[in-house]
Amino acid sequence: MAKERTPDELQYRGTVNRIAWAMLIFEALFSAVGVLIAVIALVLDEMAVVGLAYDLVAELSYGFLYAAIFLLPILFFRLFSKKAGTVPVFGEIHVPRDTVLYLMAGLALISATAQINAMLVSLFDVSASVESIFGSEVTGNHQLILMIFTTAVVPAFVEEFLFRGMVLSNLLPYGKSTAILGSALLFGVMHQNPAQLLYATAAGLVLGYLYVKVRSIWPCVLLHLFNNFLSVIQIVMVERMPEQTANIALSVMQGVIFLVGIVSAILLLLRHRETRREILAEGSFEKDPLAEPSEATASLSFGQRVKHFFTVPMIIFFAICVVMMLMPTLLTALLF
């Protein structure tokens, strides 16, 4: 006889299911918008639209449709959650004293993961996947501006509000660890590209930790934007500089990022130890002020939360994402 689920388990599964249904809507929109963008390109070709006009219509259409893919699931999630209610986003604009250090340390960690990801990609033949990450080359200044808008600005806002604002915030009452892990895993598979899976998941972990630690979504948006902006700059450097010069410039850039990130991480550790030492010196028997305010309102263990995270709708979403990730490789194997 199956064990009857507790009220906390039912509440948690209900939250996970609503998130999963919102993500399935995201997946449907993702596929539909892909077709719509292809149709827009065909229409522009038929109308013989070229040059700046073509780039403006194509890129701005892509940017706004991309935003809709991420924002509409949030709306549906709120509709699904009318009875149960939703957890508000940490939307206050405040900058704690250590925010800049967290940003620099986070950027260095994401960059390091990107380097590891690149090495792993080089071990496997995923060149087609890599090309799909970066898209077409930047050939003009107006295309560069449009690329910054569609690749850095738009994703930074809409992806953060979906994955940190909706997913992580609503999992947070059940425990920080599973909220960060769950939102990061969804963020990773959402990209539906094997060449990005490790990198995107690691970035999701960093952004999730930052959101919980700083208790504001805006530093996450800023870190996400700056990281994507650096990716665009790196593409431009490779395209517009001589190969040797570009390699040197990229190495210097990465070195500076890592150095500043390591220094920031060390300063964070020293400040944490200093603050804790001051607390212990005061001899306070009260709750440790360093501890984050408790979000765990449901009495579920880590194992229970992991187990009940993989509900049927959530498994379906993961399965679809895995199929979409493997489809290019499978098609290549079958056709060639």
C-alpha atoms as a PDB file:
ATOM      1  CA  MET A   1       0.000   0.000   0.000  1.00  0.00           C
ATOM      2  CA  ALA A   2       1.391   3.375  -1.044  1.00  0.00           C
ATOM      3  CA  LYS A   3       2.273   5.722   1.760  1.00  0.00           C
ATOM      4  CA  GLU A   4      -0.085   8.664   1.989  1.00  0.00           C
ATOM      5  CA  ARG A   5       1.598  11.964   1.204  1.00  0.00           C
ATOM      6  CA  THR A   6       1.813  14.604   3.908  1.00  0.00           C
ATOM      7  CA  PRO A   7       0.270  18.082   3.468  1.00  0.00           C
ATOM      8  CA  ASP A   8       3.770  19.541   3.038  1.00  0.00           C
ATOM      9  CA  GLU A   9       4.574  17.021   0.309  1.00  0.00           C
ATOM     10  CA  LEU A  10       1.314  17.777  -1.478  1.00  0.00           C
ATOM     11  CA  GLN A  11       1.941  21.513  -1.251  1.00  0.00           C
ATOM     12  CA  TYR A  12       5.490  21.132  -2.581  1.00  0.00           C
ATOM     13  CA  ARG A  13       4.408  18.864  -5.440  1.00  0.00           C
ATOM     14  CA  GLY A  14       1.675  21.330  -6.317  1.00  0.00           C
ATOM     15  CA  THR A  15       4.227  24.132  -6.579  1.00  0.00           C
ATOM     16  CA  VAL A  16       6.562  21.965  -8.670  1.00  0.00           C
ATOM     17  CA  ASN A  17       3.709  20.937 -10.972  1.00  0.00           C
ATOM     18  CA  ARG A  18       2.691  24.546 -11.582  1.00  0.00           C
ATOM     19  CA  ILE A  19       6.313  25.392 -12.399  1.00  0.00           C
ATOM     20  CA  ALA A  20       6.492  22.373 -14.711  1.00  0.00           C
ATOM     21  CA  TRP A  21       3.330  23.365 -16.582  1.00  0.00           C
ATOM     22  CA  ALA A  22       4.686  26.881 -16.988  1.00  0.00           C
ATOM     23  CA  MET A  23       7.912  25.397 -18.388  1.00  0.00           C
ATOM     24  CA  LEU A  24       5.941  23.210 -20.804  1.00  0.00           C
ATOM     25  CA  ILE A  25       4.200  26.362 -22.026  1.00  0.00           C
ATOM     26  CA  PHE A  26       7.660  27.881 -22.390  1.00  0.00           C
ATOM     27  CA  GLU A  27       8.726  24.897 -24.507  1.00  0.00           C
ATOM     28  CA  ALA A  28       5.667  25.222 -26.749  1.00  0.00           C
ATOM     29  CA  LEU A  29       6.328  28.938 -27.202  1.00  0.00           C
ATOM     30  CA  PHE A  30      10.009  28.223 -27.872  1.00  0.00           C
ATOM     31  CA  SER A  31       9.111  25.913 -30.750  1.00  0.00           C
ATOM     32  CA  ALA A  32       6.380  28.185 -32.117  1.00  0.00           C
ATOM     33  CA  VAL A  33       8.592  31.269 -32.068  1.00  0.00           C
ATOM     34  CA  GLY A  34      11.325  29.369 -33.894  1.00  0.00           C
ATOM     35  CA  VAL A  35       8.886  28.736 -36.735  1.00  0.00           C
ATOM     36  CA  LEU A  36       7.607  32.322 -36.606  1.00  0.00           C
ATOM     37  CA  ILE A  37      11.128  33.755 -36.868  1.00  0.00           C
ATOM     38  CA  ALA A  38      11.777  31.568 -39.915  1.00  0.00           C
ATOM     39  CA  VAL A  39       8.534  32.851 -41.481  1.00  0.00           C
ATOM     40  CA  ILE A  40       9.538  36.469 -40.801  1.00  0.00           C
ATOM     41  CA  ALA A  41      12.884  35.846 -42.519  1.00  0.00           C
ATOM     42  CA  LEU A  42      11.127  34.346 -45.559  1.00  0.00           C
ATOM     43  CA  VAL A  43       8.716  37.284 -45.775  1.00  0.00           C
ATOM     44  CA  LEU A  44      11.583  39.774 -45.603  1.00  0.00           C
ATOM     45  CA  ASP A  45      13.393  37.869 -48.359  1.00  0.00           C
ATOM     46  CA  GLU A  46      10.269  37.843 -50.536  1.00  0.00           C
ATOM     47  CA  MET A  47       9.849  41.589 -50.015  1.00  0.00           C
ATOM     48  CA  ALA A  48      13.504  42.072 -50.976  1.00  0.00           C
ATOM     49  CA  VAL A  49      14.222  43.868 -47.706  1.00  0.00           C
ATOM     50  CA  VAL A  50      17.981  44.158 -47.287  1.00  0.00           C
ATOM     51  CA  GLY A  51      20.654  45.973 -45.308  1.00  0.00           C
ATOM     52  CA  LEU A  52      19.810  47.995 -42.227  1.00  0.00           C
ATOM     53  CA  ALA A  53      16.040  47.599 -42.635  1.00  0.00           C
ATOM     54  CA  TYR A  54      16.353  43.805 -42.752  1.00  0.00           C
ATOM     55  CA  ASP A  55      18.591  43.713 -39.689  1.00  0.00           C
ATOM     56  CA  LEU A  56      16.317  46.018 -37.703  1.00  0.00           C
ATOM     57  CA  VAL A  57      13.130  44.080 -38.441  1.00  0.00           C
ATOM     58  CA  ALA A  58      14.714  40.650 -38.039  1.00  0.00           C
ATOM     59  CA  GLU A  59      16.687  41.344 -34.857  1.00  0.00           C
ATOM     60  CA  LEU A  60      14.041  43.429 -33.092  1.00  0.00           C
ATOM     61  CA  SER A  61      11.372  40.852 -33.946  1.00  0.00           C
ATOM     62  CA  TYR A  62      13.614  38.163 -32.525  1.00  0.00           C
ATOM     63  CA  GLY A  63      14.287  40.206 -29.379  1.00  0.00           C
ATOM     64  CA  PHE A  64      10.635  40.891 -28.592  1.00  0.00           C
ATOM     65  CA  LEU A  65       9.518  37.351 -29.420  1.00  0.00           C
ATOM     66  CA  TYR A  66      12.327  35.983 -27.260  1.00  0.00           C
ATOM     67  CA  ALA A  67      11.095  38.143 -24.380  1.00  0.00           C
ATOM     68  CA  ALA A  68       7.557  36.821 -24.859  1.00  0.00           C
ATOM     69  CA  ILE A  69       8.785  33.218 -24.620  1.00  0.00           C
ATOM     70  CA  PHE A  70      10.015  33.878 -21.073  1.00  0.00           C
ATOM     71  CA  LEU A  71       7.449  36.365 -19.795  1.00  0.00           C
ATOM     72  CA  LEU A  72       4.250  34.585 -20.857  1.00  0.00           C
ATOM     73  CA  PRO A  73       5.005  31.458 -18.748  1.00  0.00           C
ATOM     74  CA  ILE A  74       5.306  33.743 -15.708  1.00  0.00           C
ATOM     75  CA  LEU A  75       1.824  35.085 -16.451  1.00  0.00           C
ATOM     76  CA  PHE A  76       0.433  31.561 -16.810  1.00  0.00           C
ATOM     77  CA  PHE A  77       2.134  30.494 -13.586  1.00  0.00           C
ATOM     78  CA  ARG A  78       0.410  33.306 -11.738  1.00  0.00           C
ATOM     79  CA  LEU A  79      -2.912  32.217 -13.240  1.00  0.00           C
ATOM     80  CA  PHE A  80      -2.282  28.604 -12.196  1.00  0.00           C
ATOM     81  CA  SER A  81      -1.407  29.788  -8.685  1.00  0.00           C
ATOM     82  CA  LYS A  82      -4.435  31.968  -7.960  1.00  0.00           C
ATOM     83  CA  LYS A  83      -5.636  29.709  -5.147  1.00  0.00           C
ATOM     84  CA  ALA A  84      -2.260  28.660  -3.781  1.00  0.00           C
ATOM     85  CA  GLY A  85      -0.646  32.075  -4.197  1.00  0.00           C
ATOM     86  CA  THR A  86       2.850  32.933  -5.405  1.00  0.00           C
ATOM     87  CA  VAL A  87       6.030  34.076  -3.689  1.00  0.00           C
ATOM     88  CA  PRO A  88       6.991  37.644  -4.644  1.00  0.00           C
ATOM     89  CA  VAL A  89      10.295  38.307  -6.365  1.00  0.00           C
ATOM     90  CA  PHE A  90      13.076  39.957  -4.376  1.00  0.00           C
ATOM     91  CA  GLY A  91      12.701  43.076  -6.491  1.00  0.00           C
ATOM     92  CA  GLU A  92      13.978  45.720  -4.123  1.00  0.00           C
ATOM     93  CA  ILE A  93      16.734  47.853  -5.595  1.00  0.00           C
ATOM     94  CA  HIS A  94      19.390  47.706  -2.919  1.00  0.00           C
ATOM     95  CA  VAL A  95      23.117  47.083  -3.064  1.00  0.00           C
ATOM     96  CA  PRO A  96      24.624  45.511   0.074  1.00  0.00           C
ATOM     97  CA  ARG A  97      28.252  46.385   0.660  1.00  0.00           C
ATOM     98  CA  ASP A  98      29.544  43.047  -0.680  1.00  0.00           C
ATOM     99  CA  THR A  99      27.450  43.005  -3.867  1.00  0.00           C
ATOM    100  CA  VAL A 100      30.298  44.101  -6.152  1.00  0.00           C
ATOM    101  CA  LEU A 101      32.548  41.407  -4.697  1.00  0.00           C
ATOM    102  CA  TYR A 102      29.874  38.774  -5.301  1.00  0.00           C
ATOM    103  CA  LEU A 103      29.453  40.014  -8.878  1.00  0.00           C
ATOM    104  CA  MET A 104      33.169  39.832  -9.667  1.00  0.00           C
ATOM    105  CA  ALA A 105      33.630  36.449  -7.987  1.00  0.00           C
ATOM    106  CA  GLY A 106      30.540  35.150  -9.784  1.00  0.00           C
ATOM    107  CA  LEU A 107      31.738  36.424 -13.155  1.00  0.00           C
ATOM    108  CA  ALA A 108      35.105  34.720 -12.657  1.00  0.00           C
ATOM    109  CA  LEU A 109      33.440  31.441 -11.705  1.00  0.00           C
ATOM    110  CA  ILE A 110      31.136  31.547 -14.730  1.00  0.00           C
ATOM    111  CA  SER A 111      34.081  32.396 -16.992  1.00  0.00           C
ATOM    112  CA  ALA A 112      36.104  29.509 -15.561  1.00  0.00           C
ATOM    113  CA  THR A 113      33.217  27.148 -16.235  1.00  0.00           C
ATOM    114  CA  ALA A 114      32.998  28.504 -19.771  1.00  0.00           C
ATOM    115  CA  GLN A 115      36.667  27.613 -20.304  1.00  0.00           C
ATOM    116  CA  ILE A 116      36.113  24.092 -18.989  1.00  0.00           C
ATOM    117  CA  ASN A 117      33.002  23.827 -21.150  1.00  0.00           C
ATOM    118  CA  ALA A 118      34.998  24.922 -24.215  1.00  0.00           C
ATOM    119  CA  MET A 119      37.643  22.269 -23.551  1.00  0.00           C
ATOM    120  CA  LEU A 120      34.984  19.579 -23.252  1.00  0.00           C
ATOM    121  CA  VAL A 121      33.307  20.787 -26.443  1.00  0.00           C
ATOM    122  CA  SER A 122      36.640  20.515 -28.251  1.00  0.00           C
ATOM    123  CA  LEU A 123      36.832  16.839 -27.260  1.00  0.00           C
ATOM    124  CA  PHE A 124      33.585  16.100 -29.053  1.00  0.00           C
ATOM    125  CA  ASP A 125      32.398  17.001 -32.523  1.00  0.00           C
ATOM    126  CA  VAL A 126      29.744  19.570 -31.639  1.00  0.00           C
ATOM    127  CA  SER A 127      30.785  22.347 -34.008  1.00  0.00           C
ATOM    128  CA  ALA A 128      27.243  22.743 -35.258  1.00  0.00           C
ATOM    129  CA  SER A 129      26.034  23.221 -31.691  1.00  0.00           C
ATOM    130  CA  VAL A 130      28.720  25.809 -31.023  1.00  0.00           C
ATOM    131  CA  GLU A 131      27.762  27.737 -34.137  1.00  0.00           C
ATOM    132  CA  SER A 132      24.168  27.789 -32.970  1.00  0.00           C
ATOM    133  CA  ILE A 133      25.292  29.396 -29.707  1.00  0.00           C
ATOM    134  CA  PHE A 134      26.934  32.374 -31.343  1.00  0.00           C
ATOM    135  CA  GLY A 135      24.870  32.711 -34.501  1.00  0.00           C
ATOM    136  CA  SER A 136      26.055  34.681 -37.484  1.00  0.00           C
ATOM    137  CA  GLU A 137      29.099  36.905 -37.475  1.00  0.00           C
ATOM    138  CA  VAL A 138      28.917  40.566 -36.583  1.00  0.00           C
ATOM    139  CA  THR A 139      29.797  42.543 -39.695  1.00  0.00           C
ATOM    140  CA  GLY A 140      28.761  46.116 -38.939  1.00  0.00           C
ATOM    141  CA  ASN A 141      28.376  48.485 -36.013  1.00  0.00           C
ATOM    142  CA  HIS A 142      24.586  48.549 -36.239  1.00  0.00           C
ATOM    143  CA  GLN A 143      24.577  44.733 -36.179  1.00  0.00           C
ATOM    144  CA  LEU A 144      26.794  44.842 -33.107  1.00  0.00           C
ATOM    145  CA  ILE A 145      24.337  47.131 -31.309  1.00  0.00           C
ATOM    146  CA  LEU A 146      21.420  44.888 -32.257  1.00  0.00           C
ATOM    147  CA  MET A 147      23.348  41.822 -31.138  1.00  0.00           C
ATOM    148  CA  ILE A 148      24.036  43.394 -27.741  1.00  0.00           C
ATOM    149  CA  PHE A 149      20.301  44.084 -27.405  1.00  0.00           C
ATOM    150  CA  THR A 150      19.154  40.582 -28.392  1.00  0.00           C
ATOM    151  CA  THR A 151      22.014  38.591 -26.844  1.00  0.00           C
ATOM    152  CA  ALA A 152      22.876  40.537 -23.690  1.00  0.00           C
ATOM    153  CA  VAL A 153      20.118  42.938 -22.643  1.00  0.00           C
ATOM    154  CA  VAL A 154      16.914  41.006 -23.380  1.00  0.00           C
ATOM    155  CA  PRO A 155      18.063  37.593 -22.057  1.00  0.00           C
ATOM    156  CA  ALA A 156      19.488  39.133 -18.883  1.00  0.00           C
ATOM    157  CA  PHE A 157      16.107  40.538 -17.884  1.00  0.00           C
ATOM    158  CA  VAL A 158      13.630  37.911 -19.074  1.00  0.00           C
ATOM    159  CA  GLU A 159      15.675  34.822 -18.170  1.00  0.00           C
ATOM    160  CA  GLU A 160      16.325  36.114 -14.657  1.00  0.00           C
ATOM    161  CA  PHE A 161      12.676  36.911 -14.020  1.00  0.00           C
ATOM    162  CA  LEU A 162      11.634  33.435 -15.167  1.00  0.00           C
ATOM    163  CA  PHE A 163      14.296  31.298 -13.496  1.00  0.00           C
ATOM    164  CA  ARG A 164      15.258  33.313 -10.432  1.00  0.00           C
ATOM    165  CA  GLY A 165      12.064  35.356 -10.121  1.00  0.00           C
ATOM    166  CA  MET A 166       9.487  32.627 -10.754  1.00  0.00           C
ATOM    167  CA  VAL A 167      11.168  29.238 -10.334  1.00  0.00           C
ATOM    168  CA  LEU A 168      13.667  29.875  -7.537  1.00  0.00           C
ATOM    169  CA  SER A 169      11.449  32.247  -5.551  1.00  0.00           C
ATOM    170  CA  ASN A 170       8.573  29.773  -5.426  1.00  0.00           C
ATOM    171  CA  LEU A 171      10.810  26.831  -4.505  1.00  0.00           C
ATOM    172  CA  LEU A 172      12.584  28.878  -1.829  1.00  0.00           C
ATOM    173  CA  PRO A 173      10.000  28.338   0.948  1.00  0.00           C
ATOM    174  CA  TYR A 174      10.892  24.630   0.863  1.00  0.00           C
ATOM    175  CA  GLY A 175      14.657  25.076   1.200  1.00  0.00           C
ATOM    176  CA  LYS A 176      17.462  27.092  -0.365  1.00  0.00           C
ATOM    177  CA  SER A 177      19.575  24.186  -1.607  1.00  0.00           C
ATOM    178  CA  THR A 178      16.910  22.524  -3.740  1.00  0.00           C
ATOM    179  CA  ALA A 179      15.593  25.896  -4.911  1.00  0.00           C
ATOM    180  CA  ILE A 180      19.023  26.870  -6.252  1.00  0.00           C
ATOM    181  CA  LEU A 181      19.745  23.404  -7.687  1.00  0.00           C
ATOM    182  CA  GLY A 182      16.310  22.995  -9.266  1.00  0.00           C
ATOM    183  CA  SER A 183      16.282  26.422 -10.896  1.00  0.00           C
ATOM    184  CA  ALA A 184      19.855  25.931 -12.164  1.00  0.00           C
ATOM    185  CA  LEU A 185      19.044  22.543 -13.682  1.00  0.00           C
ATOM    186  CA  LEU A 186      15.995  23.964 -15.449  1.00  0.00           C
ATOM    187  CA  PHE A 187      18.097  26.895 -16.638  1.00  0.00           C
ATOM    188  CA  GLY A 188      20.692  24.503 -18.036  1.00  0.00           C
ATOM    189  CA  VAL A 189      18.362  22.208 -19.970  1.00  0.00           C
ATOM    190  CA  MET A 190      16.291  25.177 -21.170  1.00  0.00           C
ATOM    191  CA  HIS A 191      19.063  26.113 -23.599  1.00  0.00           C
ATOM    192  CA  GLN A 192      18.570  22.739 -25.315  1.00  0.00           C
ATOM    193  CA  ASN A 193      22.166  22.653 -26.502  1.00  0.00           C
ATOM    194  CA  PRO A 194      24.647  20.003 -25.308  1.00  0.00           C
ATOM    195  CA  ALA A 195      27.506  22.449 -25.854  1.00  0.00           C
ATOM    196  CA  GLN A 196      25.931  24.810 -23.311  1.00  0.00           C
ATOM    197  CA  LEU A 197      24.561  22.372 -20.733  1.00  0.00           C
ATOM    198  CA  LEU A 198      27.451  22.404 -18.238  1.00  0.00           C
ATOM    199  CA  TYR A 199      28.135  26.114 -18.651  1.00  0.00           C
ATOM    200  CA  ALA A 200      24.487  27.186 -18.371  1.00  0.00           C
ATOM    201  CA  THR A 201      23.818  24.960 -15.357  1.00  0.00           C
ATOM    202  CA  ALA A 202      26.898  26.301 -13.558  1.00  0.00           C
ATOM    203  CA  ALA A 203      25.847  29.864 -14.386  1.00  0.00           C
ATOM    204  CA  GLY A 204      22.404  29.051 -12.982  1.00  0.00           C
ATOM    205  CA  LEU A 205      23.990  27.892  -9.724  1.00  0.00           C
ATOM    206  CA  VAL A 206      26.022  31.102  -9.430  1.00  0.00           C
ATOM    207  CA  LEU A 207      23.051  33.327 -10.250  1.00  0.00           C
ATOM    208  CA  GLY A 208      20.790  31.391  -7.887  1.00  0.00           C
ATOM    209  CA  TYR A 209      23.264  31.678  -5.022  1.00  0.00           C
ATOM    210  CA  LEU A 210      23.657  35.399  -5.714  1.00  0.00           C
ATOM    211  CA  TYR A 211      19.875  35.881  -5.691  1.00  0.00           C
ATOM    212  CA  VAL A 212      19.490  34.140  -2.339  1.00  0.00           C
ATOM    213  CA  LYS A 213      22.550  35.790  -0.803  1.00  0.00           C
ATOM    214  CA  VAL A 214      21.931  39.385  -1.911  1.00  0.00           C
ATOM    215  CA  ARG A 215      18.118  39.024  -1.801  1.00  0.00           C
ATOM    216  CA  SER A 216      17.555  41.088  -4.923  1.00  0.00           C
ATOM    217  CA  ILE A 217      17.068  40.058  -8.539  1.00  0.00           C
ATOM    218  CA  TRP A 218      18.823  43.125  -9.957  1.00  0.00           C
ATOM    219  CA  PRO A 219      22.413  42.038  -9.219  1.00  0.00           C
ATOM    220  CA  CYS A 220      21.543  38.781 -11.015  1.00  0.00           C
ATOM    221  CA  VAL A 221      20.305  40.743 -14.024  1.00  0.00           C
ATOM    222  CA  LEU A 222      23.479  42.831 -13.967  1.00  0.00           C
ATOM    223  CA  LEU A 223      25.789  39.794 -13.745  1.00  0.00           C
ATOM    224  CA  HIS A 224      23.859  37.989 -16.484  1.00  0.00           C
ATOM    225  CA  LEU A 225      23.966  41.063 -18.727  1.00  0.00           C
ATOM    226  CA  PHE A 226      27.675  41.676 -18.192  1.00  0.00           C
ATOM    227  CA  ASN A 227      28.543  38.024 -18.812  1.00  0.00           C
ATOM    228  CA  ASN A 228      26.581  37.942 -22.084  1.00  0.00           C
ATOM    229  CA  PHE A 229      28.019  41.318 -23.096  1.00  0.00           C
ATOM    230  CA  LEU A 230      31.540  39.960 -22.653  1.00  0.00           C
ATOM    231  CA  SER A 231      30.628  37.023 -24.897  1.00  0.00           C
ATOM    232  CA  VAL A 232      29.555  39.454 -27.630  1.00  0.00           C
ATOM    233  CA  ILE A 233      32.758  41.471 -27.226  1.00  0.00           C
ATOM    234  CA  GLN A 234      34.827  38.301 -27.513  1.00  0.00           C
ATOM    235  CA  ILE A 235      33.065  37.382 -30.765  1.00  0.00           C
ATOM    236  CA  VAL A 236      33.738  40.861 -32.154  1.00  0.00           C
ATOM    237  CA  MET A 237      37.394  40.725 -31.116  1.00  0.00           C
ATOM    238  CA  VAL A 238      37.880  37.396 -32.892  1.00  0.00           C
ATOM    239  CA  GLU A 239      36.191  38.736 -36.022  1.00  0.00           C
ATOM    240  CA  ARG A 240      37.789  42.163 -36.250  1.00  0.00           C
ATOM    241  CA  MET A 241      41.307  41.598 -34.911  1.00  0.00           C
ATOM    242  CA  PRO A 242      44.196  39.640 -36.407  1.00  0.00           C
ATOM    243  CA  GLU A 243      44.165  36.118 -34.992  1.00  0.00           C
ATOM    244  CA  GLN A 244      47.301  36.508 -32.883  1.00  0.00           C
ATOM    245  CA  THR A 245      46.215  39.884 -31.500  1.00  0.00           C
ATOM    246  CA  ALA A 246      42.755  38.539 -30.689  1.00  0.00           C
ATOM    247  CA  ASN A 247      44.200  35.539 -28.853  1.00  0.00           C
ATOM    248  CA  ILE A 248      46.437  37.776 -26.749  1.00  0.00           C
ATOM    249  CA  ALA A 249      43.601  40.203 -25.993  1.00  0.00           C
ATOM    250  CA  LEU A 250      41.250  37.376 -25.007  1.00  0.00           C
ATOM    251  CA  SER A 251      43.895  35.825 -22.760  1.00  0.00           C
ATOM    252  CA  VAL A 252      44.513  39.159 -21.025  1.00  0.00           C
ATOM    253  CA  MET A 253      40.763  39.698 -20.586  1.00  0.00           C
ATOM    254  CA  GLN A 254      40.269  36.257 -19.060  1.00  0.00           C
ATOM    255  CA  GLY A 255      43.320  36.712 -16.845  1.00  0.00           C
ATOM    256  CA  VAL A 256      42.027  40.011 -15.466  1.00  0.00           C
ATOM    257  CA  ILE A 257      38.578  38.508 -14.832  1.00  0.00           C
ATOM    258  CA  PHE A 258      40.057  35.532 -12.977  1.00  0.00           C
ATOM    259  CA  LEU A 259      42.451  37.694 -10.944  1.00  0.00           C
ATOM    260  CA  VAL A 260      39.771  40.165  -9.869  1.00  0.00           C
ATOM    261  CA  GLY A 261      37.400  37.280  -9.143  1.00  0.00           C
ATOM    262  CA  ILE A 262      39.922  35.465  -6.948  1.00  0.00           C
ATOM    263  CA  VAL A 263      40.709  38.661  -5.025  1.00  0.00           C
ATOM    264  CA  SER A 264      36.974  39.292  -4.576  1.00  0.00           C
ATOM    265  CA  ALA A 265      36.410  35.747  -3.294  1.00  0.00           C
ATOM    266  CA  ILE A 266      39.279  36.101  -0.798  1.00  0.00           C
ATOM    267  CA  LEU A 267      37.893  39.432   0.449  1.00  0.00           C
ATOM    268  CA  LEU A 268      34.461  37.852   0.878  1.00  0.00           C
ATOM    269  CA  LEU A 269      35.936  35.025   2.945  1.00  0.00           C
ATOM    270  CA  LEU A 270      37.926  37.458   5.107  1.00  0.00           C
ATOM    271  CA  ARG A 271      34.884  39.670   5.707  1.00  0.00           C
ATOM    272  CA  HIS A 272      32.787  36.643   6.591  1.00  0.00           C
ATOM    273  CA  ARG A 273      35.378  35.428   9.113  1.00  0.00           C
ATOM    274  CA  GLU A 274      35.769  38.912  10.584  1.00  0.00           C
ATOM    275  CA  THR A 275      32.043  39.369  11.042  1.00  0.00           C
ATOM    276  CA  ARG A 276      31.651  35.941  12.615  1.00  0.00           C
ATOM    277  CA  ARG A 277      34.567  36.643  14.978  1.00  0.00           C
ATOM    278  CA  GLU A 278      32.864  39.870  16.107  1.00  0.00           C
ATOM    279  CA  ILE A 279      29.652  37.980  16.776  1.00  0.00           C
ATOM    280  CA  LEU A 280      31.430  35.339  18.853  1.00  0.00           C
ATOM    281  CA  ALA A 281      33.354  38.020  20.772  1.00  0.00           C
ATOM    282  CA  GLU A 282      30.089  39.633  21.848  1.00  0.00           C
ATOM    283  CA  GLY A 283      29.056  36.349  23.468  1.00  0.00           C
ATOM    284  CA  SER A 284      25.592  36.462  21.992  1.00  0.00           C
ATOM    285  CA  PHE A 285      23.423  33.393  22.484  1.00  0.00           C
ATOM    286  CA  GLU A 286      20.847  34.682  20.052  1.00  0.00           C
ATOM    287  CA  LYS A 287      20.407  33.474  16.471  1.00  0.00           C
ATOM    288  CA  ASP A 288      23.477  34.049  14.312  1.00  0.00           C
ATOM    289  CA  PRO A 289      22.845  37.314  12.399  1.00  0.00           C
ATOM    290  CA  LEU A 290      24.988  35.951   9.563  1.00  0.00           C
ATOM    291  CA  ALA A 291      22.490  33.225   8.856  1.00  0.00           C
ATOM    292  CA  GLU A 292      20.020  33.933   6.078  1.00  0.00           C
ATOM    293  CA  PRO A 293      16.415  34.390   7.152  1.00  0.00           C
ATOM    294  CA  SER A 294      14.874  30.934   7.103  1.00  0.00           C
ATOM    295  CA  GLU A 295      12.848  30.235   3.975  1.00  0.00           C
ATOM    296  CA  ALA A 296      12.129  26.617   4.894  1.00  0.00           C
ATOM    297  CA  THR A 297       8.485  26.712   5.968  1.00  0.00           C
ATOM    298  CA  ALA A 298       7.748  23.099   5.016  1.00  0.00           C
ATOM    299  CA  SER A 299       9.200  20.181   6.982  1.00  0.00           C
ATOM    300  CA  LEU A 300      10.674  18.262   4.043  1.00  0.00           C
ATOM    301  CA  SER A 301      14.131  16.739   4.000  1.00  0.00           C
ATOM    302  CA  PHE A 302      16.546  17.344   1.120  1.00  0.00           C
ATOM    303  CA  GLY A 303      15.898  13.832  -0.178  1.00  0.00           C
ATOM    304  CA  GLN A 304      12.139  14.330  -0.086  1.00  0.00           C
ATOM    305  CA  ARG A 305      12.435  17.604  -1.971  1.00  0.00           C
ATOM    306  CA  VAL A 306      14.607  16.029  -4.676  1.00  0.00           C
ATOM    307  CA  LYS A 307      12.270  13.040  -4.984  1.00  0.00           C
ATOM    308  CA  HIS A 308       9.113  15.124  -5.278  1.00  0.00           C
ATOM    309  CA  PHE A 309      10.743  17.608  -7.658  1.00  0.00           C
ATOM    310  CA  PHE A 310      10.549  15.065 -10.465  1.00  0.00           C
ATOM    311  CA  THR A 311       6.796  14.956 -10.927  1.00  0.00           C
ATOM    312  CA  VAL A 312       5.247  13.674 -14.168  1.00  0.00           C
ATOM    313  CA  PRO A 313       4.941  17.133 -15.827  1.00  0.00           C
ATOM    314  CA  MET A 314       8.516  17.972 -14.789  1.00  0.00           C
ATOM    315  CA  ILE A 315       9.847  14.679 -16.183  1.00  0.00           C
ATOM    316  CA  ILE A 316       8.014  15.370 -19.455  1.00  0.00           C
ATOM    317  CA  PHE A 317       9.660  18.796 -19.700  1.00  0.00           C
ATOM    318  CA  PHE A 318      13.119  17.347 -19.083  1.00  0.00           C
ATOM    319  CA  ALA A 319      12.488  14.574 -21.615  1.00  0.00           C
ATOM    320  CA  ILE A 320      11.459  17.080 -24.293  1.00  0.00           C
ATOM    321  CA  CYS A 321      14.551  19.200 -23.640  1.00  0.00           C
ATOM    322  CA  VAL A 322      16.849  16.166 -23.845  1.00  0.00           C
ATOM    323  CA  VAL A 323      15.258  15.084 -27.137  1.00  0.00           C
ATOM    324  CA  MET A 324      15.663  18.604 -28.537  1.00  0.00           C
ATOM    325  CA  MET A 325      19.307  18.640 -27.407  1.00  0.00           C
ATOM    326  CA  LEU A 326      20.069  15.326 -29.083  1.00  0.00           C
ATOM    327  CA  MET A 327      17.989  15.866 -32.217  1.00  0.00           C
ATOM    328  CA  PRO A 328      20.689  17.625 -34.320  1.00  0.00           C
ATOM    329  CA  THR A 329      23.175  14.850 -33.529  1.00  0.00           C
ATOM    330  CA  LEU A 330      20.617  12.136 -34.257  1.00  0.00           C
ATOM    331  CA  LEU A 331      19.561  13.746 -37.538  1.00  0.00           C
ATOM    332  CA  THR A 332      23.188  14.120 -38.593  1.00  0.00           C
ATOM    333  CA  ALA A 333      23.852  10.458 -37.807  1.00  0.00           C
ATOM    334  CA  LEU A 334      20.768   9.311 -39.724  1.00  0.00           C
ATOM    335  CA  LEU A 335      21.201  11.538 -42.785  1.00  0.00           C
ATOM    336  CA  PHE A 336      24.961  11.434 -43.169  1.00  0.00           C
END
